[in-house]
Amino acid sequence: MMLSFFDQFMSPTYLGIPLIALALSLPWILYPKPTPRWLNNRLITLQGWFINRFTQQIFQPLSLGGHKWAALLASLMLFLLTLNMLGLLPYTFTPTTQLSLNMAFAVPLWLATVIIGMRNQPTHALGHLLPEGTPTLLIPVLIIIETISLFIRPLALGVRLTANLTAGHLLIQLIATAAFVLLPLMPTVAILTAVLLFLLTLLEVAVAMIQAYVFVLLLSLYLQENV
């Protein structure tokens, strides 16, 4: 039984073809493309308003040099948000529960922010490894600690997204299984369990949106340190 709970996190295949490629390409098909017309429909207008508000909130603290990342981070936000939300549908696969995929997003983007900082302002970028006013005896220890914390950042990004989504999916499956088993034995308890399942599903919808936002927000904070 325990193995079946984790089967949902295995990448499905059809005729030997991994369907994760289809899952990764599906979000871009769902969103409408802008038209050259003067007046857009309500869906495109709402989509443009959401992207503008998100971009304004994320990039307001950044300097003009960091605004070049607006299109990349906004696209990443929509991509992760759509993958997380589609993964809550029945009989679907959530690619963002795979640590390898999340690390593939986190490591290159984090490394790009570090390279930008080292290229544009190396003194300021290296200054983060040693806080001002540090006692002389603590300088080697703090440099080692700050270096380790710097290299842990992409791992924390990937693990946070993977762990939150995986835990949510496991909880939903466990409670749904309990409600199904209890229905013929104790209908009242099964109904209460179903209500709990509905509330948990609403919570997971919020977690799916928040985790996509936190992933991009932390990347923008790393960018802010190096721009």
C-alpha atoms as a PDB file:
ATOM      1  CA  MET A   1       0.000   0.000   0.000  1.00  0.00           C
ATOM      2  CA  MET A   2       2.799   2.401   0.845  1.00  0.00           C
ATOM      3  CA  LEU A   3       4.378   1.924  -2.560  1.00  0.00           C
ATOM      4  CA  SER A   4       1.115   2.775  -4.311  1.00  0.00           C
ATOM      5  CA  PHE A   5       1.003   6.141  -2.540  1.00  0.00           C
ATOM      6  CA  PHE A   6       4.257   7.130  -4.234  1.00  0.00           C
ATOM      7  CA  ASP A   7       3.306   5.816  -7.661  1.00  0.00           C
ATOM      8  CA  GLN A   8       1.726   9.185  -8.455  1.00  0.00           C
ATOM      9  CA  PHE A   9       5.187  10.787  -8.418  1.00  0.00           C
ATOM     10  CA  MET A  10       6.588   8.452 -11.079  1.00  0.00           C
ATOM     11  CA  SER A  11       6.891   9.938 -14.544  1.00  0.00           C
ATOM     12  CA  PRO A  12       4.255   8.170 -16.686  1.00  0.00           C
ATOM     13  CA  THR A  13       5.170   6.710 -20.052  1.00  0.00           C
ATOM     14  CA  TYR A  14       3.103   5.755 -23.088  1.00  0.00           C
ATOM     15  CA  LEU A  15       4.611   3.457 -25.717  1.00  0.00           C
ATOM     16  CA  GLY A  16       7.982   4.083 -24.123  1.00  0.00           C
ATOM     17  CA  ILE A  17       7.616   7.875 -24.471  1.00  0.00           C
ATOM     18  CA  PRO A  18       7.817   9.898 -21.210  1.00  0.00           C
ATOM     19  CA  LEU A  19       4.710  12.014 -20.866  1.00  0.00           C
ATOM     20  CA  ILE A  20       6.516  14.599 -18.751  1.00  0.00           C
ATOM     21  CA  ALA A  21       7.398  16.359 -22.019  1.00  0.00           C
ATOM     22  CA  LEU A  22       3.682  16.741 -22.767  1.00  0.00           C
ATOM     23  CA  ALA A  23       3.028  17.970 -19.232  1.00  0.00           C
ATOM     24  CA  LEU A  24       5.753  20.603 -19.579  1.00  0.00           C
ATOM     25  CA  SER A  25       4.457  21.851 -22.929  1.00  0.00           C
ATOM     26  CA  LEU A  26       0.785  21.979 -21.919  1.00  0.00           C
ATOM     27  CA  PRO A  27       0.883  25.269 -19.920  1.00  0.00           C
ATOM     28  CA  TRP A  28       1.986  27.287 -22.928  1.00  0.00           C
ATOM     29  CA  ILE A  29      -0.975  25.967 -24.952  1.00  0.00           C
ATOM     30  CA  LEU A  30      -3.552  27.014 -22.356  1.00  0.00           C
ATOM     31  CA  TYR A  31      -2.731  30.718 -22.257  1.00  0.00           C
ATOM     32  CA  PRO A  32      -4.187  32.939 -24.987  1.00  0.00           C
ATOM     33  CA  LYS A  33      -1.788  34.879 -27.151  1.00  0.00           C
ATOM     34  CA  PRO A  34      -2.087  38.682 -27.499  1.00  0.00           C
ATOM     35  CA  THR A  35      -3.748  39.936 -30.650  1.00  0.00           C
ATOM     36  CA  PRO A  36      -2.901  43.050 -32.704  1.00  0.00           C
ATOM     37  CA  ARG A  37      -6.404  44.398 -32.145  1.00  0.00           C
ATOM     38  CA  TRP A  38      -6.932  47.614 -30.230  1.00  0.00           C
ATOM     39  CA  LEU A  39      -9.455  45.974 -27.914  1.00  0.00           C
ATOM     40  CA  ASN A  40      -8.725  42.583 -26.342  1.00  0.00           C
ATOM     41  CA  ASN A  41     -11.169  40.179 -24.790  1.00  0.00           C
ATOM     42  CA  ARG A  42     -11.600  39.887 -21.035  1.00  0.00           C
ATOM     43  CA  LEU A  43      -9.316  36.883 -20.638  1.00  0.00           C
ATOM     44  CA  ILE A  44      -6.336  38.558 -22.327  1.00  0.00           C
ATOM     45  CA  THR A  45      -7.019  41.764 -20.399  1.00  0.00           C
ATOM     46  CA  LEU A  46      -7.070  39.865 -17.087  1.00  0.00           C
ATOM     47  CA  GLN A  47      -3.916  37.999 -18.028  1.00  0.00           C
ATOM     48  CA  GLY A  48      -2.119  41.245 -18.892  1.00  0.00           C
ATOM     49  CA  TRP A  49      -3.274  42.876 -15.658  1.00  0.00           C
ATOM     50  CA  PHE A  50      -1.997  39.947 -13.589  1.00  0.00           C
ATOM     51  CA  ILE A  51       1.409  39.954 -15.306  1.00  0.00           C
ATOM     52  CA  ASN A  52       1.749  43.733 -14.908  1.00  0.00           C
ATOM     53  CA  ARG A  53       0.855  43.640 -11.205  1.00  0.00           C
ATOM     54  CA  PHE A  54       3.190  40.747 -10.534  1.00  0.00           C
ATOM     55  CA  THR A  55       6.070  42.347 -12.430  1.00  0.00           C
ATOM     56  CA  GLN A  56       5.556  45.663 -10.661  1.00  0.00           C
ATOM     57  CA  GLN A  57       5.554  44.043  -7.228  1.00  0.00           C
ATOM     58  CA  ILE A  58       8.607  41.859  -7.842  1.00  0.00           C
ATOM     59  CA  PHE A  59      10.828  44.380  -9.626  1.00  0.00           C
ATOM     60  CA  GLN A  60       9.957  47.557  -7.736  1.00  0.00           C
ATOM     61  CA  PRO A  61      12.882  47.167  -5.254  1.00  0.00           C
ATOM     62  CA  LEU A  62      15.348  46.307  -8.041  1.00  0.00           C
ATOM     63  CA  SER A  63      17.480  48.736 -10.005  1.00  0.00           C
ATOM     64  CA  LEU A  64      17.053  49.240 -13.729  1.00  0.00           C
ATOM     65  CA  GLY A  65      19.666  46.584 -14.465  1.00  0.00           C
ATOM     66  CA  GLY A  66      17.487  43.920 -12.898  1.00  0.00           C
ATOM     67  CA  HIS A  67      14.436  44.855 -14.974  1.00  0.00           C
ATOM     68  CA  LYS A  68      15.895  42.869 -17.868  1.00  0.00           C
ATOM     69  CA  TRP A  69      14.812  39.748 -15.997  1.00  0.00           C
ATOM     70  CA  ALA A  70      11.142  40.758 -15.969  1.00  0.00           C
ATOM     71  CA  ALA A  71      10.062  38.630 -18.923  1.00  0.00           C
ATOM     72  CA  LEU A  72      12.020  35.583 -17.716  1.00  0.00           C
ATOM     73  CA  LEU A  73      10.755  35.620 -14.124  1.00  0.00           C
ATOM     74  CA  ALA A  74       7.173  36.450 -15.105  1.00  0.00           C
ATOM     75  CA  SER A  75       7.161  33.547 -17.565  1.00  0.00           C
ATOM     76  CA  LEU A  76       8.649  31.248 -14.905  1.00  0.00           C
ATOM     77  CA  MET A  77       5.981  32.331 -12.432  1.00  0.00           C
ATOM     78  CA  LEU A  78       3.150  31.537 -14.856  1.00  0.00           C
ATOM     79  CA  PHE A  79       4.799  28.251 -15.832  1.00  0.00           C
ATOM     80  CA  LEU A  80       5.228  27.000 -12.263  1.00  0.00           C
ATOM     81  CA  LEU A  81       1.794  28.233 -11.241  1.00  0.00           C
ATOM     82  CA  THR A  82       0.120  26.386 -14.102  1.00  0.00           C
ATOM     83  CA  LEU A  83       2.060  23.163 -13.493  1.00  0.00           C
ATOM     84  CA  ASN A  84       1.200  23.224  -9.792  1.00  0.00           C
ATOM     85  CA  MET A  85      -2.494  23.903 -10.408  1.00  0.00           C
ATOM     86  CA  LEU A  86      -2.855  21.290 -13.152  1.00  0.00           C
ATOM     87  CA  GLY A  87      -1.233  18.734 -10.862  1.00  0.00           C
ATOM     88  CA  LEU A  88      -4.178  19.023  -8.470  1.00  0.00           C
ATOM     89  CA  LEU A  89      -6.575  17.644 -11.079  1.00  0.00           C
ATOM     90  CA  PRO A  90      -7.425  13.927 -10.840  1.00  0.00           C
ATOM     91  CA  TYR A  91      -5.356  11.470 -12.887  1.00  0.00           C
ATOM     92  CA  THR A  92      -2.679  14.041 -13.695  1.00  0.00           C
ATOM     93  CA  PHE A  93       1.068  14.151 -13.185  1.00  0.00           C
ATOM     94  CA  THR A  94       2.790  17.058 -11.449  1.00  0.00           C
ATOM     95  CA  PRO A  95       6.286  17.626 -12.923  1.00  0.00           C
ATOM     96  CA  THR A  96       7.209  20.027 -10.102  1.00  0.00           C
ATOM     97  CA  THR A  97       7.166  17.147  -7.596  1.00  0.00           C
ATOM     98  CA  GLN A  98      10.385  15.968  -9.254  1.00  0.00           C
ATOM     99  CA  LEU A  99      13.466  17.355  -7.516  1.00  0.00           C
ATOM    100  CA  SER A 100      15.526  17.032 -10.695  1.00  0.00           C
ATOM    101  CA  LEU A 101      13.191  19.379 -12.593  1.00  0.00           C
ATOM    102  CA  ASN A 102      13.101  21.957  -9.810  1.00  0.00           C
ATOM    103  CA  MET A 103      16.883  21.877  -9.509  1.00  0.00           C
ATOM    104  CA  ALA A 104      17.111  22.355 -13.277  1.00  0.00           C
ATOM    105  CA  PHE A 105      15.151  25.592 -12.793  1.00  0.00           C
ATOM    106  CA  ALA A 106      16.945  26.739  -9.632  1.00  0.00           C
ATOM    107  CA  VAL A 107      20.629  26.080 -10.323  1.00  0.00           C
ATOM    108  CA  PRO A 108      21.056  27.916 -13.679  1.00  0.00           C
ATOM    109  CA  LEU A 109      19.065  30.960 -12.552  1.00  0.00           C
ATOM    110  CA  TRP A 110      20.875  31.181  -9.212  1.00  0.00           C
ATOM    111  CA  LEU A 111      24.218  30.746 -10.963  1.00  0.00           C
ATOM    112  CA  ALA A 112      23.306  33.502 -13.420  1.00  0.00           C
ATOM    113  CA  THR A 113      22.653  35.946 -10.553  1.00  0.00           C
ATOM    114  CA  VAL A 114      26.003  35.063  -8.956  1.00  0.00           C
ATOM    115  CA  ILE A 115      27.896  35.480 -12.248  1.00  0.00           C
ATOM    116  CA  ILE A 116      26.216  38.839 -12.858  1.00  0.00           C
ATOM    117  CA  GLY A 117      27.272  40.021  -9.404  1.00  0.00           C
ATOM    118  CA  MET A 118      30.852  38.831  -9.869  1.00  0.00           C
ATOM    119  CA  ARG A 119      31.100  40.482 -13.268  1.00  0.00           C
ATOM    120  CA  ASN A 120      29.449  43.831 -12.542  1.00  0.00           C
ATOM    121  CA  GLN A 121      30.481  44.495  -8.929  1.00  0.00           C
ATOM    122  CA  PRO A 122      32.862  41.828  -7.625  1.00  0.00           C
ATOM    123  CA  THR A 123      33.792  43.749  -4.463  1.00  0.00           C
ATOM    124  CA  HIS A 124      30.164  44.144  -3.413  1.00  0.00           C
ATOM    125  CA  ALA A 125      29.352  40.523  -4.291  1.00  0.00           C
ATOM    126  CA  LEU A 126      32.269  39.165  -2.261  1.00  0.00           C
ATOM    127  CA  GLY A 127      31.413  41.563   0.566  1.00  0.00           C
ATOM    128  CA  HIS A 128      28.324  39.482   1.332  1.00  0.00           C
ATOM    129  CA  LEU A 129      30.635  36.696   2.521  1.00  0.00           C
ATOM    130  CA  LEU A 130      31.942  38.828   5.382  1.00  0.00           C
ATOM    131  CA  PRO A 131      29.609  41.156   7.329  1.00  0.00           C
ATOM    132  CA  GLU A 132      31.025  44.516   8.352  1.00  0.00           C
ATOM    133  CA  GLY A 133      32.437  44.741  11.871  1.00  0.00           C
ATOM    134  CA  THR A 134      33.186  41.033  12.214  1.00  0.00           C
ATOM    135  CA  PRO A 135      35.800  40.209  14.907  1.00  0.00           C
ATOM    136  CA  THR A 136      39.130  39.090  13.508  1.00  0.00           C
ATOM    137  CA  LEU A 137      38.973  35.632  15.068  1.00  0.00           C
ATOM    138  CA  LEU A 138      35.587  34.919  13.475  1.00  0.00           C
ATOM    139  CA  ILE A 139      36.519  35.993   9.935  1.00  0.00           C
ATOM    140  CA  PRO A 140      37.589  32.533   8.618  1.00  0.00           C
ATOM    141  CA  VAL A 141      34.589  30.828  10.220  1.00  0.00           C
ATOM    142  CA  LEU A 142      32.085  33.356   8.873  1.00  0.00           C
ATOM    143  CA  ILE A 143      33.529  33.195   5.366  1.00  0.00           C
ATOM    144  CA  ILE A 144      33.111  29.408   5.360  1.00  0.00           C
ATOM    145  CA  ILE A 145      29.558  29.645   6.739  1.00  0.00           C
ATOM    146  CA  GLU A 146      28.494  32.325   4.262  1.00  0.00           C
ATOM    147  CA  THR A 147      30.017  30.397   1.357  1.00  0.00           C
ATOM    148  CA  ILE A 148      28.134  27.258   2.353  1.00  0.00           C
ATOM    149  CA  SER A 149      24.896  29.218   2.717  1.00  0.00           C
ATOM    150  CA  LEU A 150      25.474  30.719  -0.737  1.00  0.00           C
ATOM    151  CA  PHE A 151      25.804  27.307  -2.386  1.00  0.00           C
ATOM    152  CA  ILE A 152      22.834  25.905  -0.445  1.00  0.00           C
ATOM    153  CA  ARG A 153      20.469  28.473  -1.961  1.00  0.00           C
ATOM    154  CA  PRO A 154      19.604  26.577  -5.174  1.00  0.00           C
ATOM    155  CA  LEU A 155      19.180  23.353  -3.196  1.00  0.00           C
ATOM    156  CA  ALA A 156      16.791  25.127  -0.826  1.00  0.00           C
ATOM    157  CA  LEU A 157      14.801  26.482  -3.767  1.00  0.00           C
ATOM    158  CA  GLY A 158      14.350  23.065  -5.347  1.00  0.00           C
ATOM    159  CA  VAL A 159      13.731  21.133  -2.130  1.00  0.00           C
ATOM    160  CA  ARG A 160      11.192  23.665  -0.825  1.00  0.00           C
ATOM    161  CA  LEU A 161       9.039  23.429  -3.932  1.00  0.00           C
ATOM    162  CA  THR A 162       9.349  19.639  -4.152  1.00  0.00           C
ATOM    163  CA  ALA A 163       8.674  18.979  -0.468  1.00  0.00           C
ATOM    164  CA  ASN A 164       5.608  21.216  -0.209  1.00  0.00           C
ATOM    165  CA  LEU A 165       3.909  19.789  -3.285  1.00  0.00           C
ATOM    166  CA  THR A 166       4.825  16.184  -2.471  1.00  0.00           C
ATOM    167  CA  ALA A 167       3.545  16.458   1.103  1.00  0.00           C
ATOM    168  CA  GLY A 168       0.286  18.002  -0.081  1.00  0.00           C
ATOM    169  CA  HIS A 169      -0.351  15.307  -2.671  1.00  0.00           C
ATOM    170  CA  LEU A 170       0.389  12.557  -0.149  1.00  0.00           C
ATOM    171  CA  LEU A 171      -1.989  14.075   2.402  1.00  0.00           C
ATOM    172  CA  ILE A 172      -4.760  14.347  -0.170  1.00  0.00           C
ATOM    173  CA  GLN A 173      -4.316  10.725  -1.225  1.00  0.00           C
ATOM    174  CA  LEU A 174      -4.163   9.464   2.371  1.00  0.00           C
ATOM    175  CA  ILE A 175      -7.315  11.297   3.453  1.00  0.00           C
ATOM    176  CA  ALA A 176      -9.168  10.335   0.264  1.00  0.00           C
ATOM    177  CA  THR A 177      -8.262   6.678   0.857  1.00  0.00           C
ATOM    178  CA  ALA A 178      -9.434   6.918   4.464  1.00  0.00           C
ATOM    179  CA  ALA A 179     -12.754   8.450   3.410  1.00  0.00           C
ATOM    180  CA  PHE A 180     -13.286   5.716   0.811  1.00  0.00           C
ATOM    181  CA  VAL A 181     -12.509   2.918   3.306  1.00  0.00           C
ATOM    182  CA  LEU A 182     -14.636   4.412   6.096  1.00  0.00           C
ATOM    183  CA  LEU A 183     -17.720   5.041   3.929  1.00  0.00           C
ATOM    184  CA  PRO A 184     -19.308   1.560   4.287  1.00  0.00           C
ATOM    185  CA  LEU A 185     -18.185   1.196   7.919  1.00  0.00           C
ATOM    186  CA  MET A 186     -18.800   4.613   9.492  1.00  0.00           C
ATOM    187  CA  PRO A 187     -20.640   6.942   7.091  1.00  0.00           C
ATOM    188  CA  THR A 188     -20.661   9.891   9.501  1.00  0.00           C
ATOM    189  CA  VAL A 189     -16.899   9.748   9.997  1.00  0.00           C
ATOM    190  CA  ALA A 190     -16.451   9.319   6.250  1.00  0.00           C
ATOM    191  CA  ILE A 191     -18.479  12.482   5.570  1.00  0.00           C
ATOM    192  CA  LEU A 192     -16.396  14.427   8.085  1.00  0.00           C
ATOM    193  CA  THR A 193     -13.264  13.069   6.439  1.00  0.00           C
ATOM    194  CA  ALA A 194     -14.573  14.168   3.041  1.00  0.00           C
ATOM    195  CA  VAL A 195     -15.160  17.676   4.406  1.00  0.00           C
ATOM    196  CA  LEU A 196     -11.591  17.673   5.710  1.00  0.00           C
ATOM    197  CA  LEU A 197     -10.436  16.541   2.277  1.00  0.00           C
ATOM    198  CA  PHE A 198     -12.259  19.443   0.625  1.00  0.00           C
ATOM    199  CA  LEU A 199     -10.651  21.952   3.013  1.00  0.00           C
ATOM    200  CA  LEU A 200      -7.252  20.379   2.431  1.00  0.00           C
ATOM    201  CA  THR A 201      -7.747  20.670  -1.318  1.00  0.00           C
ATOM    202  CA  LEU A 202      -8.451  24.380  -0.947  1.00  0.00           C
ATOM    203  CA  LEU A 203      -5.298  24.673   1.139  1.00  0.00           C
ATOM    204  CA  GLU A 204      -3.302  22.879  -1.533  1.00  0.00           C
ATOM    205  CA  VAL A 205      -4.582  25.287  -4.182  1.00  0.00           C
ATOM    206  CA  ALA A 206      -3.236  28.135  -2.053  1.00  0.00           C
ATOM    207  CA  VAL A 207       0.060  26.272  -1.511  1.00  0.00           C
ATOM    208  CA  ALA A 208       0.416  25.680  -5.266  1.00  0.00           C
ATOM    209  CA  MET A 209       0.091  29.413  -5.938  1.00  0.00           C
ATOM    210  CA  ILE A 210       2.228  30.518  -2.987  1.00  0.00           C
ATOM    211  CA  GLN A 211       5.102  28.146  -3.752  1.00  0.00           C
ATOM    212  CA  ALA A 212       5.345  29.354  -7.350  1.00  0.00           C
ATOM    213  CA  TYR A 213       5.387  32.942  -6.096  1.00  0.00           C
ATOM    214  CA  VAL A 214       7.989  32.202  -3.377  1.00  0.00           C
ATOM    215  CA  PHE A 215      10.280  30.480  -5.889  1.00  0.00           C
ATOM    216  CA  VAL A 216      10.347  33.541  -8.149  1.00  0.00           C
ATOM    217  CA  LEU A 217      10.439  35.984  -5.210  1.00  0.00           C
ATOM    218  CA  LEU A 218      13.575  34.382  -3.771  1.00  0.00           C
ATOM    219  CA  LEU A 219      15.227  34.461  -7.183  1.00  0.00           C
ATOM    220  CA  SER A 220      14.451  38.181  -7.409  1.00  0.00           C
ATOM    221  CA  LEU A 221      15.992  38.705  -3.952  1.00  0.00           C
ATOM    222  CA  TYR A 222      19.155  36.898  -5.063  1.00  0.00           C
ATOM    223  CA  LEU A 223      19.175  39.083  -8.156  1.00  0.00           C
ATOM    224  CA  GLN A 224      18.729  42.206  -6.024  1.00  0.00           C
ATOM    225  CA  GLU A 225      21.899  41.364  -4.072  1.00  0.00           C
ATOM    226  CA  ASN A 226      23.977  41.156  -7.250  1.00  0.00           C
ATOM    227  CA  VAL A 227      22.590  43.941  -9.441  1.00  0.00           C
END
